[in-house]
């Protein structure tokens, strides 16, 4: 039981110390962040620049994404059309071979 008691006490001590250290670090980072945004002018300028930059980046990303997605869709459709054409050609060949192997009495008048 001695190992178990040592584990429990070490775990509890680590939890408490970790919580205190994490709380202190979080409080310091939060206060530094608050100090940067104390002046209204700075935060307004920063926010307006960020929002303008964000809008521009979003437009660029949307334009690039739409161009890329259109190109991807076009290529995909071309590939599918090519596959369909190959399949149609294979079926034509198969049907042609089947029709050519039929005796004359089984052929329809349209085949002649």
N, C-alpha and C. Protein backbone atom coordinates (compact mmCIF):
# COMPACT_ATOMS: atom_id res chain seq x y z
N UNK A 1 0.81 -1.20 0.00
CA UNK A 1 0.00 0.00 0.00
C UNK A 1 0.85 1.26 0.00
N UNK A 2 2.10 1.15 0.36
CA UNK A 2 2.95 2.32 0.45
C UNK A 2 3.15 2.97 -0.91
N UNK A 3 3.31 2.17 -1.97
CA UNK A 3 3.47 2.73 -3.31
C UNK A 3 2.21 3.46 -3.75
N UNK A 4 1.09 2.87 -3.40
CA UNK A 4 -0.18 3.48 -3.80
C UNK A 4 -0.39 4.80 -3.10
N UNK A 5 -0.06 4.87 -1.82
CA UNK A 5 -0.18 6.14 -1.09
C UNK A 5 0.76 7.18 -1.67
N UNK A 6 1.97 6.77 -2.06
CA UNK A 6 2.92 7.70 -2.66
C UNK A 6 2.43 8.21 -4.00
N UNK A 7 1.79 7.33 -4.75
CA UNK A 7 1.26 7.73 -6.06
C UNK A 7 0.13 8.74 -5.90
N UNK A 8 -0.77 8.47 -4.99
CA UNK A 8 -1.92 9.35 -4.80
C UNK A 8 -1.46 10.72 -4.31
N UNK A 9 -0.56 10.74 -3.35
CA UNK A 9 -0.10 12.04 -2.82
C UNK A 9 0.69 12.79 -3.89
N UNK A 10 1.50 12.10 -4.68
CA UNK A 10 2.25 12.76 -5.75
C UNK A 10 1.33 13.29 -6.84
N UNK A 11 0.29 12.51 -7.15
CA UNK A 11 -0.67 12.95 -8.16
C UNK A 11 -1.41 14.20 -7.70
N UNK A 12 -1.86 14.19 -6.46
CA UNK A 12 -2.57 15.36 -5.93
C UNK A 12 -1.67 16.58 -5.84
N UNK A 13 -0.44 16.38 -5.40
CA UNK A 13 0.51 17.50 -5.33
C UNK A 13 0.78 18.06 -6.73
N UNK A 14 0.99 17.18 -7.71
CA UNK A 14 1.23 17.63 -9.08
C UNK A 14 0.04 18.37 -9.65
N UNK A 15 -1.15 17.90 -9.34
CA UNK A 15 -2.35 18.57 -9.84
C UNK A 15 -2.48 19.97 -9.26
N UNK A 16 -2.24 20.10 -7.98
CA UNK A 16 -2.35 21.41 -7.33
C UNK A 16 -1.27 22.36 -7.83
N UNK A 17 -0.03 21.89 -7.88
CA UNK A 17 1.07 22.75 -8.34
C UNK A 17 0.86 23.13 -9.81
N UNK A 18 0.44 22.19 -10.63
CA UNK A 18 0.19 22.47 -12.04
C UNK A 18 -0.93 23.48 -12.22
N UNK A 19 -1.98 23.35 -11.41
CA UNK A 19 -3.08 24.31 -11.49
C UNK A 19 -2.64 25.71 -11.11
N UNK A 20 -1.83 25.81 -10.09
CA UNK A 20 -1.35 27.13 -9.64
C UNK A 20 -0.44 27.74 -10.71
N UNK A 21 0.51 26.96 -11.22
CA UNK A 21 1.43 27.47 -12.23
C UNK A 21 0.66 27.87 -13.49
N UNK A 22 -0.28 27.04 -13.93
CA UNK A 22 -1.07 27.35 -15.11
C UNK A 22 -1.92 28.60 -14.91
N UNK A 23 -2.48 28.75 -13.71
CA UNK A 23 -3.28 29.94 -13.42
C UNK A 23 -2.45 31.21 -13.46
N UNK A 24 -1.25 31.15 -12.89
CA UNK A 24 -0.37 32.33 -12.88
C UNK A 24 0.03 32.70 -14.30
N UNK A 25 0.41 31.71 -15.11
CA UNK A 25 0.82 31.98 -16.49
C UNK A 25 -0.36 32.55 -17.28
N UNK A 26 -1.54 31.97 -17.11
CA UNK A 26 -2.73 32.46 -17.80
C UNK A 26 -3.06 33.89 -17.41
N UNK A 27 -2.94 34.21 -16.13
CA UNK A 27 -3.23 35.56 -15.67
C UNK A 27 -2.23 36.56 -16.25
N UNK A 28 -0.96 36.18 -16.31
CA UNK A 28 0.05 37.07 -16.87
C UNK A 28 -0.19 37.32 -18.36
N UNK A 29 -0.50 36.28 -19.09
CA UNK A 29 -0.75 36.45 -20.52
C UNK A 29 -2.01 37.27 -20.77
N UNK A 30 -3.03 37.07 -19.97
CA UNK A 30 -4.27 37.83 -20.14
C UNK A 30 -4.04 39.30 -19.82
N UNK A 31 -3.25 39.60 -18.80
CA UNK A 31 -3.00 41.00 -18.45
C UNK A 31 -2.16 41.69 -19.53
N UNK A 32 -1.21 40.97 -20.12
CA UNK A 32 -0.42 41.57 -21.20
C UNK A 32 -1.29 41.85 -22.41
N UNK A 33 -2.18 40.96 -22.72
CA UNK A 33 -3.08 41.14 -23.85
C UNK A 33 -4.01 42.33 -23.59
N UNK A 34 -4.47 42.48 -22.36
CA UNK A 34 -5.34 43.59 -22.01
C UNK A 34 -4.58 44.91 -22.09
N UNK A 35 -3.30 44.94 -21.73
CA UNK A 35 -2.51 46.16 -21.79
C UNK A 35 -2.34 46.65 -23.22
N UNK A 36 -2.24 45.75 -24.18
CA UNK A 36 -2.09 46.15 -25.57
C UNK A 36 -3.35 46.79 -26.12
N UNK A 37 -4.49 46.41 -25.59
CA UNK A 37 -5.75 46.91 -26.12
C UNK A 37 -6.36 48.03 -25.27
N UNK A 38 -5.57 48.64 -24.39
CA UNK A 38 -6.09 49.69 -23.51
C UNK A 38 -6.45 50.93 -24.31
N UNK A 39 -5.58 51.32 -25.23
CA UNK A 39 -5.86 52.52 -26.01
C UNK A 39 -6.88 52.21 -27.09
N UNK A 40 -7.91 53.01 -27.19
CA UNK A 40 -8.97 52.78 -28.15
C UNK A 40 -8.50 52.94 -29.58
N UNK A 41 -7.64 53.92 -29.83
CA UNK A 41 -7.16 54.17 -31.18
C UNK A 41 -6.39 52.98 -31.73
N UNK A 42 -5.51 52.45 -30.88
CA UNK A 42 -4.70 51.32 -31.32
C UNK A 42 -5.58 50.13 -31.67
N UNK A 43 -6.50 49.83 -30.79
CA UNK A 43 -7.34 48.65 -31.03
C UNK A 43 -8.27 48.87 -32.23
N UNK A 44 -8.78 50.12 -32.42
CA UNK A 44 -9.64 50.39 -33.57
C UNK A 44 -8.86 50.26 -34.87
N UNK A 45 -7.66 50.85 -34.90
CA UNK A 45 -6.83 50.77 -36.11
C UNK A 45 -6.47 49.32 -36.40
N UNK A 46 -6.10 48.62 -35.35
CA UNK A 46 -5.71 47.23 -35.52
C UNK A 46 -6.89 46.40 -36.02
N UNK A 47 -8.04 46.63 -35.42
CA UNK A 47 -9.23 45.88 -35.83
C UNK A 47 -9.65 46.20 -37.26
N UNK A 48 -9.57 47.49 -37.64
CA UNK A 48 -9.95 47.84 -39.01
C UNK A 48 -8.96 47.27 -40.02
N UNK A 49 -7.67 47.32 -39.68
CA UNK A 49 -6.67 46.74 -40.58
C UNK A 49 -6.86 45.23 -40.67
N UNK A 50 -7.13 44.59 -39.54
CA UNK A 50 -7.33 43.15 -39.55
C UNK A 50 -8.57 42.78 -40.35
N UNK A 51 -9.64 43.55 -40.17
CA UNK A 51 -10.86 43.21 -40.89
C UNK A 51 -10.69 43.44 -42.39
N UNK A 52 -9.99 44.52 -42.77
CA UNK A 52 -9.72 44.74 -44.20
C UNK A 52 -8.85 43.63 -44.77
N UNK A 53 -7.80 43.28 -44.03
CA UNK A 53 -6.92 42.21 -44.48
C UNK A 53 -7.66 40.88 -44.55
N UNK A 54 -8.51 40.64 -43.55
CA UNK A 54 -9.27 39.39 -43.54
C UNK A 54 -10.23 39.32 -44.72
N UNK A 55 -10.89 40.43 -45.02
CA UNK A 55 -11.81 40.46 -46.15
C UNK A 55 -11.07 40.19 -47.46
N UNK A 56 -9.92 40.85 -47.61
CA UNK A 56 -9.13 40.67 -48.83
C UNK A 56 -8.65 39.22 -48.94
N UNK A 57 -8.16 38.67 -47.84
CA UNK A 57 -7.69 37.29 -47.87
C UNK A 57 -8.82 36.33 -48.17
N UNK A 58 -9.98 36.58 -47.58
CA UNK A 58 -11.13 35.71 -47.84
C UNK A 58 -11.53 35.75 -49.31
N UNK A 59 -11.53 36.95 -49.89
CA UNK A 59 -11.86 37.06 -51.31
C UNK A 59 -10.86 36.31 -52.17
N UNK A 60 -9.57 36.47 -51.84
CA UNK A 60 -8.54 35.79 -52.61
C UNK A 60 -8.67 34.28 -52.47
N UNK A 61 -8.94 33.83 -51.27
CA UNK A 61 -9.07 32.39 -51.03
C UNK A 61 -10.29 31.85 -51.77
N UNK A 62 -11.41 32.59 -51.71
CA UNK A 62 -12.62 32.15 -52.40
C UNK A 62 -12.39 32.09 -53.90
N UNK A 63 -11.72 33.12 -54.44
CA UNK A 63 -11.46 33.14 -55.87
C UNK A 63 -10.55 31.98 -56.27
N UNK A 64 -9.50 31.76 -55.51
CA UNK A 64 -8.58 30.66 -55.81
C UNK A 64 -9.28 29.32 -55.65
N UNK A 65 -10.09 29.21 -54.63
CA UNK A 65 -10.79 27.95 -54.39
C UNK A 65 -11.80 27.68 -55.49
N UNK A 66 -12.53 28.72 -55.89
CA UNK A 66 -13.53 28.51 -56.93
C UNK A 66 -12.86 28.17 -58.26
N UNK A 67 -11.76 28.84 -58.59
CA UNK A 67 -11.03 28.51 -59.82
C UNK A 67 -10.50 27.08 -59.76
N UNK A 68 -9.96 26.73 -58.62
CA UNK A 68 -9.41 25.39 -58.45
C UNK A 68 -10.51 24.34 -58.49
N UNK A 69 -11.63 24.62 -57.84
CA UNK A 69 -12.71 23.64 -57.83
C UNK A 69 -13.34 23.50 -59.21
N UNK A 70 -13.43 24.59 -59.96
CA UNK A 70 -13.96 24.51 -61.32
C UNK A 70 -13.04 23.66 -62.18
N UNK A 71 -11.75 23.88 -62.06
CA UNK A 71 -10.78 23.12 -62.85
C UNK A 71 -10.84 21.64 -62.46
N UNK A 72 -10.95 21.35 -61.17
CA UNK A 72 -11.04 19.97 -60.70
C UNK A 72 -12.30 19.31 -61.23
N UNK A 73 -13.41 20.01 -61.18
CA UNK A 73 -14.68 19.47 -61.68
C UNK A 73 -14.60 19.21 -63.18
N UNK A 74 -13.99 20.13 -63.92
CA UNK A 74 -13.85 19.97 -65.37
C UNK A 74 -13.03 18.73 -65.70
N UNK A 75 -11.91 18.56 -65.00
CA UNK A 75 -11.06 17.39 -65.25
C UNK A 75 -11.80 16.10 -64.90
N UNK A 76 -12.51 16.13 -63.81
CA UNK A 76 -13.27 14.95 -63.39
C UNK A 76 -14.32 14.58 -64.43
N UNK A 77 -15.03 15.58 -64.94
CA UNK A 77 -16.03 15.32 -65.97
C UNK A 77 -15.40 14.79 -67.25
N UNK A 78 -14.26 15.35 -67.64
CA UNK A 78 -13.57 14.85 -68.83
C UNK A 78 -13.16 13.40 -68.67
N UNK A 79 -12.67 13.04 -67.47
CA UNK A 79 -12.30 11.66 -67.20
C UNK A 79 -13.50 10.73 -67.28
N UNK A 80 -14.61 11.16 -66.72
CA UNK A 80 -15.83 10.34 -66.75
C UNK A 80 -16.35 10.18 -68.18
N UNK A 81 -16.29 11.24 -68.97
CA UNK A 81 -16.72 11.16 -70.36
C UNK A 81 -15.83 10.18 -71.13
N UNK A 82 -14.54 10.23 -70.88
CA UNK A 82 -13.62 9.31 -71.54
C UNK A 82 -13.92 7.87 -71.15
N UNK A 83 -14.21 7.63 -69.87
CA UNK A 83 -14.56 6.29 -69.42
C UNK A 83 -15.86 5.81 -70.09
N UNK A 84 -16.84 6.70 -70.17
CA UNK A 84 -18.10 6.32 -70.83
C UNK A 84 -17.88 6.00 -72.30
N UNK A 85 -17.07 6.79 -72.97
CA UNK A 85 -16.79 6.52 -74.38
C UNK A 85 -16.10 5.17 -74.57
N UNK A 86 -15.16 4.85 -73.69
CA UNK A 86 -14.48 3.56 -73.77
C UNK A 86 -15.46 2.42 -73.54
N UNK A 87 -16.34 2.58 -72.57
CA UNK A 87 -17.33 1.54 -72.28
C UNK A 87 -18.29 1.36 -73.45
N UNK A 88 -18.71 2.46 -74.04
CA UNK A 88 -19.60 2.38 -75.21
C UNK A 88 -18.92 1.65 -76.35
N UNK A 89 -17.65 1.95 -76.59
CA UNK A 89 -16.90 1.28 -77.65
C UNK A 89 -16.79 -0.22 -77.37
N UNK A 90 -16.52 -0.58 -76.12
CA UNK A 90 -16.42 -2.00 -75.76
C UNK A 90 -17.74 -2.72 -75.99
N UNK A 91 -18.85 -2.09 -75.61
CA UNK A 91 -20.17 -2.70 -75.79
C UNK A 91 -20.46 -2.85 -77.27
N UNK A 92 -20.12 -1.86 -78.08
CA UNK A 92 -20.33 -1.96 -79.53
C UNK A 92 -19.56 -3.13 -80.11
N UNK A 93 -18.30 -3.29 -79.70
CA UNK A 93 -17.50 -4.40 -80.20
C UNK A 93 -18.09 -5.73 -79.77
N UNK A 94 -18.50 -5.81 -78.51
CA UNK A 94 -19.09 -7.04 -78.01
C UNK A 94 -20.37 -7.38 -78.76
N UNK A 95 -21.23 -6.41 -78.95
CA UNK A 95 -22.48 -6.65 -79.67
C UNK A 95 -22.20 -6.98 -81.13
N UNK A 96 -21.21 -6.37 -81.71
CA UNK A 96 -20.85 -6.68 -83.09
C UNK A 96 -20.38 -8.11 -83.23
N UNK A 97 -19.61 -8.59 -82.26
CA UNK A 97 -19.13 -9.97 -82.29
C UNK A 97 -20.29 -10.94 -82.07
N UNK A 98 -21.21 -10.61 -81.20
CA UNK A 98 -22.36 -11.48 -80.95
C UNK A 98 -23.23 -11.55 -82.18
N UNK A 99 -23.48 -10.44 -82.82
CA UNK A 99 -24.32 -10.41 -84.02
C UNK A 99 -23.65 -11.13 -85.19
N UNK A 100 -22.33 -11.06 -85.29
CA UNK A 100 -21.66 -11.71 -86.40
C UNK A 100 -21.61 -13.22 -86.24
N UNK A 101 -21.78 -13.74 -85.03
CA UNK A 101 -21.75 -15.17 -84.77
C UNK A 101 -23.12 -15.82 -84.93
N UNK A 102 -24.18 -15.06 -85.12
CA UNK A 102 -25.52 -15.62 -85.27
C UNK A 102 -25.69 -16.20 -86.67
N UNK A 103 -26.41 -17.34 -86.76
CA UNK A 103 -26.72 -17.87 -88.09
C UNK A 103 -27.68 -16.93 -88.81
N UNK A 104 -27.77 -17.03 -90.13
CA UNK A 104 -28.60 -16.13 -90.91
C UNK A 104 -30.07 -16.22 -90.54
N UNK A 105 -30.53 -17.38 -90.12
CA UNK A 105 -31.95 -17.52 -89.79
C UNK A 105 -32.30 -16.78 -88.51
N UNK A 106 -31.33 -16.55 -87.60
CA UNK A 106 -31.61 -15.87 -86.35
C UNK A 106 -31.45 -14.36 -86.48
N UNK A 107 -30.81 -13.88 -87.52
CA UNK A 107 -30.62 -12.44 -87.69
C UNK A 107 -31.90 -11.78 -88.08
N UNK A 108 -32.09 -10.60 -87.58
CA UNK A 108 -33.28 -9.84 -87.93
C UNK A 108 -33.03 -9.14 -89.26
N UNK A 109 -34.09 -8.72 -89.93
CA UNK A 109 -33.91 -8.02 -91.21
C UNK A 109 -33.12 -6.72 -91.06
N UNK A 110 -33.13 -6.15 -89.90
CA UNK A 110 -32.41 -4.90 -89.69
C UNK A 110 -30.92 -5.11 -89.67
N UNK A 111 -30.46 -6.30 -89.29
CA UNK A 111 -29.03 -6.58 -89.20
C UNK A 111 -28.37 -6.66 -90.57
N UNK A 112 -29.11 -6.97 -91.59
CA UNK A 112 -28.55 -7.18 -92.90
C UNK A 112 -28.12 -5.94 -93.57
